[in-house]
Amino acid sequence: ANGAVGNGALMRLAPVPLFFYRDPIQAVEFSGISGIITHDDQRVYDACRYYGALIVAALR
């Protein structure tokens, strides 16, 4: 589809917030950065930050 960016960034996200879960701000920020490495799109950055925050919240 036009404008589609895929979900690979979300599939490999979990290790980032798991590593940084004790520092939620860093966990969320590095979650977003991990997606931008391969998918230079604001939607990917936002989605990775959101899912990273969900993982951190589940662990706390």
PDB file of N, CA and C in Angstrom:
ATOM      1  N   ALA A   1       0.834  -1.180   0.000  1.00  0.00           N
ATOM      2  CA  ALA A   1       0.000   0.000   0.000  1.00  0.00           C
ATOM      3  C   ALA A   1       0.881   1.246   0.000  1.00  0.00           C
ATOM      4  N   ASN A   2       0.393   2.271  -0.569  1.00  0.00           N
ATOM      5  CA  ASN A   2       1.135   3.519  -0.633  1.00  0.00           C
ATOM      6  C   ASN A   2       1.297   4.105   0.772  1.00  0.00           C
ATOM      7  N   GLY A   3       2.527   4.402   1.154  1.00  0.00           N
ATOM      8  CA  GLY A   3       2.782   4.965   2.474  1.00  0.00           C
ATOM      9  C   GLY A   3       2.983   3.937   3.573  1.00  0.00           C
ATOM     10  N   ALA A   4       2.883   2.645   3.258  1.00  0.00           N
ATOM     11  CA  ALA A   4       3.069   1.604   4.263  1.00  0.00           C
ATOM     12  C   ALA A   4       4.543   1.511   4.641  1.00  0.00           C
ATOM     13  N   VAL A   5       4.820   1.274   5.897  1.00  0.00           N
ATOM     14  CA  VAL A   5       6.206   1.175   6.347  1.00  0.00           C
ATOM     15  C   VAL A   5       6.529  -0.170   7.006  1.00  0.00           C
ATOM     16  N   GLY A   6       5.572  -1.055   7.146  1.00  0.00           N
ATOM     17  CA  GLY A   6       5.818  -2.370   7.716  1.00  0.00           C
ATOM     18  C   GLY A   6       5.843  -2.370   9.237  1.00  0.00           C
ATOM     19  N   ASN A   7       6.013  -3.582   9.791  1.00  0.00           N
ATOM     20  CA  ASN A   7       5.979  -3.718  11.248  1.00  0.00           C
ATOM     21  C   ASN A   7       7.253  -4.333  11.818  1.00  0.00           C
ATOM     22  N   GLY A   8       8.297  -4.411  11.020  1.00  0.00           N
ATOM     23  CA  GLY A   8       9.553  -5.003  11.485  1.00  0.00           C
ATOM     24  C   GLY A   8      10.121  -4.316  12.711  1.00  0.00           C
ATOM     25  N   ALA A   9       9.982  -3.005  12.773  1.00  0.00           N
ATOM     26  CA  ALA A   9      10.512  -2.265  13.921  1.00  0.00           C
ATOM     27  C   ALA A   9       9.816  -2.685  15.214  1.00  0.00           C
ATOM     28  N   LEU A  10       8.525  -2.959  15.147  1.00  0.00           N
ATOM     29  CA  LEU A  10       7.792  -3.397  16.343  1.00  0.00           C
ATOM     30  C   LEU A  10       8.153  -4.832  16.715  1.00  0.00           C
ATOM     31  N   MET A  11       8.396  -5.664  15.699  1.00  0.00           N
ATOM     32  CA  MET A  11       8.696  -7.068  15.975  1.00  0.00           C
ATOM     33  C   MET A  11      10.002  -7.236  16.744  1.00  0.00           C
ATOM     34  N   ARG A  12      10.952  -6.353  16.549  1.00  0.00           N
ATOM     35  CA  ARG A  12      12.236  -6.496  17.239  1.00  0.00           C
ATOM     36  C   ARG A  12      12.412  -5.487  18.383  1.00  0.00           C
ATOM     37  N   LEU A  13      11.359  -4.872  18.809  1.00  0.00           N
ATOM     38  CA  LEU A  13      11.408  -3.813  19.814  1.00  0.00           C
ATOM     39  C   LEU A  13      11.639  -4.305  21.243  1.00  0.00           C
ATOM     40  N   ALA A  14      11.065  -5.404  21.629  1.00  0.00           N
ATOM     41  CA  ALA A  14      10.982  -5.819  23.037  1.00  0.00           C
ATOM     42  C   ALA A  14      12.288  -5.759  23.825  1.00  0.00           C
ATOM     43  N   PRO A  15      13.426  -6.154  23.284  1.00  0.00           N
ATOM     44  CA  PRO A  15      14.644  -6.103  24.101  1.00  0.00           C
ATOM     45  C   PRO A  15      15.002  -4.702  24.614  1.00  0.00           C
ATOM     46  N   VAL A  16      14.626  -3.679  23.883  1.00  0.00           N
ATOM     47  CA  VAL A  16      14.999  -2.313  24.284  1.00  0.00           C
ATOM     48  C   VAL A  16      14.300  -1.905  25.583  1.00  0.00           C
ATOM     49  N   PRO A  17      12.970  -1.921  25.648  1.00  0.00           N
ATOM     50  CA  PRO A  17      12.341  -1.547  26.924  1.00  0.00           C
ATOM     51  C   PRO A  17      12.608  -2.558  28.042  1.00  0.00           C
ATOM     52  N   LEU A  18      12.859  -3.815  27.691  1.00  0.00           N
ATOM     53  CA  LEU A  18      13.209  -4.786  28.729  1.00  0.00           C
ATOM     54  C   LEU A  18      14.542  -4.425  29.381  1.00  0.00           C
ATOM     55  N   PHE A  19      15.476  -3.952  28.595  1.00  0.00           N
ATOM     56  CA  PHE A  19      16.783  -3.568  29.119  1.00  0.00           C
ATOM     57  C   PHE A  19      16.705  -2.297  29.963  1.00  0.00           C
ATOM     58  N   PHE A  20      15.904  -1.327  29.525  1.00  0.00           N
ATOM     59  CA  PHE A  20      15.852  -0.016  30.174  1.00  0.00           C
ATOM     60  C   PHE A  20      14.635   0.175  31.090  1.00  0.00           C
ATOM     61  N   TYR A  21      13.916  -0.886  31.441  1.00  0.00           N
ATOM     62  CA  TYR A  21      12.636  -0.715  32.136  1.00  0.00           C
ATOM     63  C   TYR A  21      12.744   0.039  33.461  1.00  0.00           C
ATOM     64  N   ARG A  22      13.901   0.042  34.085  1.00  0.00           N
ATOM     65  CA  ARG A  22      14.050   0.760  35.362  1.00  0.00           C
ATOM     66  C   ARG A  22      14.125   2.271  35.176  1.00  0.00           C
ATOM     67  N   ASP A  23      14.327   2.702  33.942  1.00  0.00           N
ATOM     68  CA  ASP A  23      14.356   4.132  33.612  1.00  0.00           C
ATOM     69  C   ASP A  23      13.359   4.353  32.471  1.00  0.00           C
ATOM     70  N   PRO A  24      12.076   4.537  32.795  1.00  0.00           N
ATOM     71  CA  PRO A  24      11.039   4.607  31.765  1.00  0.00           C
ATOM     72  C   PRO A  24      11.279   5.669  30.694  1.00  0.00           C
ATOM     73  N   ILE A  25      11.843   6.799  31.060  1.00  0.00           N
ATOM     74  CA  ILE A  25      12.075   7.849  30.062  1.00  0.00           C
ATOM     75  C   ILE A  25      13.074   7.366  29.020  1.00  0.00           C
ATOM     76  N   GLN A  26      14.164   6.770  29.463  1.00  0.00           N
ATOM     77  CA  GLN A  26      15.137   6.228  28.513  1.00  0.00           C
ATOM     78  C   GLN A  26      14.546   5.072  27.732  1.00  0.00           C
ATOM     79  N   ALA A  27      13.778   4.224  28.392  1.00  0.00           N
ATOM     80  CA  ALA A  27      13.178   3.078  27.715  1.00  0.00           C
ATOM     81  C   ALA A  27      12.313   3.528  26.550  1.00  0.00           C
ATOM     82  N   VAL A  28      11.500   4.536  26.774  1.00  0.00           N
ATOM     83  CA  VAL A  28      10.609   5.036  25.720  1.00  0.00           C
ATOM     84  C   VAL A  28      11.416   5.708  24.613  1.00  0.00           C
ATOM     85  N   GLU A  29      12.382   6.525  24.983  1.00  0.00           N
ATOM     86  CA  GLU A  29      13.180   7.223  23.971  1.00  0.00           C
ATOM     87  C   GLU A  29      13.977   6.243  23.109  1.00  0.00           C
ATOM     88  N   PHE A  30      14.657   5.292  23.728  1.00  0.00           N
ATOM     89  CA  PHE A  30      15.439   4.333  22.953  1.00  0.00           C
ATOM     90  C   PHE A  30      14.548   3.378  22.167  1.00  0.00           C
ATOM     91  N   SER A  31      13.336   3.151  22.625  1.00  0.00           N
ATOM     92  CA  SER A  31      12.390   2.361  21.835  1.00  0.00           C
ATOM     93  C   SER A  31      12.100   3.064  20.516  1.00  0.00           C
ATOM     94  N   GLY A  32      11.857   4.361  20.578  1.00  0.00           N
ATOM     95  CA  GLY A  32      11.623   5.128  19.351  1.00  0.00           C
ATOM     96  C   GLY A  32      12.831   5.139  18.444  1.00  0.00           C
ATOM     97  N   ILE A  33      13.993   5.342  19.017  1.00  0.00           N
ATOM     98  CA  ILE A  33      15.225   5.376  18.221  1.00  0.00           C
ATOM     99  C   ILE A  33      15.469   4.035  17.546  1.00  0.00           C
ATOM    100  N   SER A  34      15.144   2.944  18.218  1.00  0.00           N
ATOM    101  CA  SER A  34      15.368   1.622  17.623  1.00  0.00           C
ATOM    102  C   SER A  34      14.561   1.432  16.343  1.00  0.00           C
ATOM    103  N   GLY A  35      13.400   2.046  16.263  1.00  0.00           N
ATOM    104  CA  GLY A  35      12.594   1.943  15.046  1.00  0.00           C
ATOM    105  C   GLY A  35      13.102   2.815  13.922  1.00  0.00           C
ATOM    106  N   ILE A  36      13.620   3.980  14.270  1.00  0.00           N
ATOM    107  CA  ILE A  36      14.112   4.930  13.267  1.00  0.00           C
ATOM    108  C   ILE A  36      15.339   4.386  12.542  1.00  0.00           C
ATOM    109  N   ILE A  37      16.090   3.495  13.178  1.00  0.00           N
ATOM    110  CA  ILE A  37      17.300   2.950  12.564  1.00  0.00           C
ATOM    111  C   ILE A  37      16.997   2.360  11.191  1.00  0.00           C
ATOM    112  N   THR A  38      15.877   1.662  11.066  1.00  0.00           N
ATOM    113  CA  THR A  38      15.548   1.023   9.784  1.00  0.00           C
ATOM    114  C   THR A  38      14.328   1.610   9.097  1.00  0.00           C
ATOM    115  N   HIS A  39      13.503   2.340   9.814  1.00  0.00           N
ATOM    116  CA  HIS A  39      12.264   2.879   9.248  1.00  0.00           C
ATOM    117  C   HIS A  39      12.192   4.375   9.557  1.00  0.00           C
ATOM    118  N   ASP A  40      12.721   5.183   8.680  1.00  0.00           N
ATOM    119  CA  ASP A  40      12.784   6.631   8.908  1.00  0.00           C
ATOM    120  C   ASP A  40      11.413   7.261   8.657  1.00  0.00           C
ATOM    121  N   ASP A  41      10.532   7.089   9.622  1.00  0.00           N
ATOM    122  CA  ASP A  41       9.154   7.561   9.488  1.00  0.00           C
ATOM    123  C   ASP A  41       8.640   7.931  10.881  1.00  0.00           C
ATOM    124  N   GLN A  42       8.025   9.073  11.005  1.00  0.00           N
ATOM    125  CA  GLN A  42       7.526   9.542  12.303  1.00  0.00           C
ATOM    126  C   GLN A  42       6.526   8.572  12.912  1.00  0.00           C
ATOM    127  N   ARG A  43       5.705   7.932  12.083  1.00  0.00           N
ATOM    128  CA  ARG A  43       4.710   6.980  12.604  1.00  0.00           C
ATOM    129  C   ARG A  43       5.392   5.794  13.273  1.00  0.00           C
ATOM    130  N   VAL A  44       6.486   5.343  12.699  1.00  0.00           N
ATOM    131  CA  VAL A  44       7.228   4.226  13.287  1.00  0.00           C
ATOM    132  C   VAL A  44       7.838   4.647  14.623  1.00  0.00           C
ATOM    133  N   TYR A  45       8.434   5.818  14.648  1.00  0.00           N
ATOM    134  CA  TYR A  45       9.021   6.352  15.882  1.00  0.00           C
ATOM    135  C   TYR A  45       7.962   6.421  16.982  1.00  0.00           C
ATOM    136  N   ASP A  46       6.812   6.973  16.659  1.00  0.00           N
ATOM    137  CA  ASP A  46       5.730   7.105  17.642  1.00  0.00           C
ATOM    138  C   ASP A  46       5.205   5.747  18.091  1.00  0.00           C
ATOM    139  N   ALA A  47       5.014   4.826  17.151  1.00  0.00           N
ATOM    140  CA  ALA A  47       4.497   3.496  17.488  1.00  0.00           C
ATOM    141  C   ALA A  47       5.476   2.743  18.382  1.00  0.00           C
ATOM    142  N   CYS A  48       6.757   2.827  18.073  1.00  0.00           N
ATOM    143  CA  CYS A  48       7.758   2.147  18.895  1.00  0.00           C
ATOM    144  C   CYS A  48       7.818   2.744  20.296  1.00  0.00           C
ATOM    145  N   ARG A  49       7.717   4.047  20.394  1.00  0.00           N
ATOM    146  CA  ARG A  49       7.697   4.688  21.716  1.00  0.00           C
ATOM    147  C   ARG A  49       6.470   4.227  22.508  1.00  0.00           C
ATOM    148  N   TYR A  50       5.327   4.166  21.851  1.00  0.00           N
ATOM    149  CA  TYR A  50       4.090   3.752  22.512  1.00  0.00           C
ATOM    150  C   TYR A  50       4.196   2.304  23.009  1.00  0.00           C
ATOM    151  N   TYR A  51       4.630   1.412  22.138  1.00  0.00           N
ATOM    152  CA  TYR A  51       4.739   0.008  22.524  1.00  0.00           C
ATOM    153  C   TYR A  51       5.828  -0.197  23.574  1.00  0.00           C
ATOM    154  N   GLY A  52       6.902   0.571  23.474  1.00  0.00           N
ATOM    155  CA  GLY A  52       7.929   0.510  24.512  1.00  0.00           C
ATOM    156  C   GLY A  52       7.361   0.905  25.865  1.00  0.00           C
ATOM    157  N   ALA A  53       6.548   1.950  25.880  1.00  0.00           N
ATOM    158  CA  ALA A  53       5.910   2.390  27.125  1.00  0.00           C
ATOM    159  C   ALA A  53       4.959   1.324  27.666  1.00  0.00           C
ATOM    160  N   LEU A  54       4.245   0.650  26.790  1.00  0.00           N
ATOM    161  CA  LEU A  54       3.349  -0.424  27.229  1.00  0.00           C
ATOM    162  C   LEU A  54       4.128  -1.557  27.887  1.00  0.00           C
ATOM    163  N   ILE A  55       5.253  -1.909  27.298  1.00  0.00           N
ATOM    164  CA  ILE A  55       6.072  -2.988  27.860  1.00  0.00           C
ATOM    165  C   ILE A  55       6.608  -2.583  29.230  1.00  0.00           C
ATOM    166  N   VAL A  56       7.107  -1.363  29.342  1.00  0.00           N
ATOM    167  CA  VAL A  56       7.610  -0.880  30.634  1.00  0.00           C
ATOM    168  C   VAL A  56       6.487  -0.879  31.672  1.00  0.00           C
ATOM    169  N   ALA A  57       5.314  -0.412  31.296  1.00  0.00           N
ATOM    170  CA  ALA A  57       4.180  -0.378  32.226  1.00  0.00           C
ATOM    171  C   ALA A  57       3.800  -1.785  32.680  1.00  0.00           C
ATOM    172  N   ALA A  58       3.871  -2.746  31.774  1.00  0.00           N
ATOM    173  CA  ALA A  58       3.536  -4.122  32.131  1.00  0.00           C
ATOM    174  C   ALA A  58       4.544  -4.700  33.129  1.00  0.00           C
ATOM    175  N   LEU A  59       5.782  -4.253  33.040  1.00  0.00           N
ATOM    176  CA  LEU A  59       6.824  -4.756  33.939  1.00  0.00           C
ATOM    177  C   LEU A  59       6.811  -4.085  35.305  1.00  0.00           C
ATOM    178  N   ARG A  60       6.225  -2.913  35.387  1.00  0.00           N
ATOM    179  CA  ARG A  60       6.242  -2.160  36.642  1.00  0.00           C
ATOM    180  C   ARG A  60       4.999  -2.505  37.380  1.00  0.00           C
TER     181      ARG A  60
END
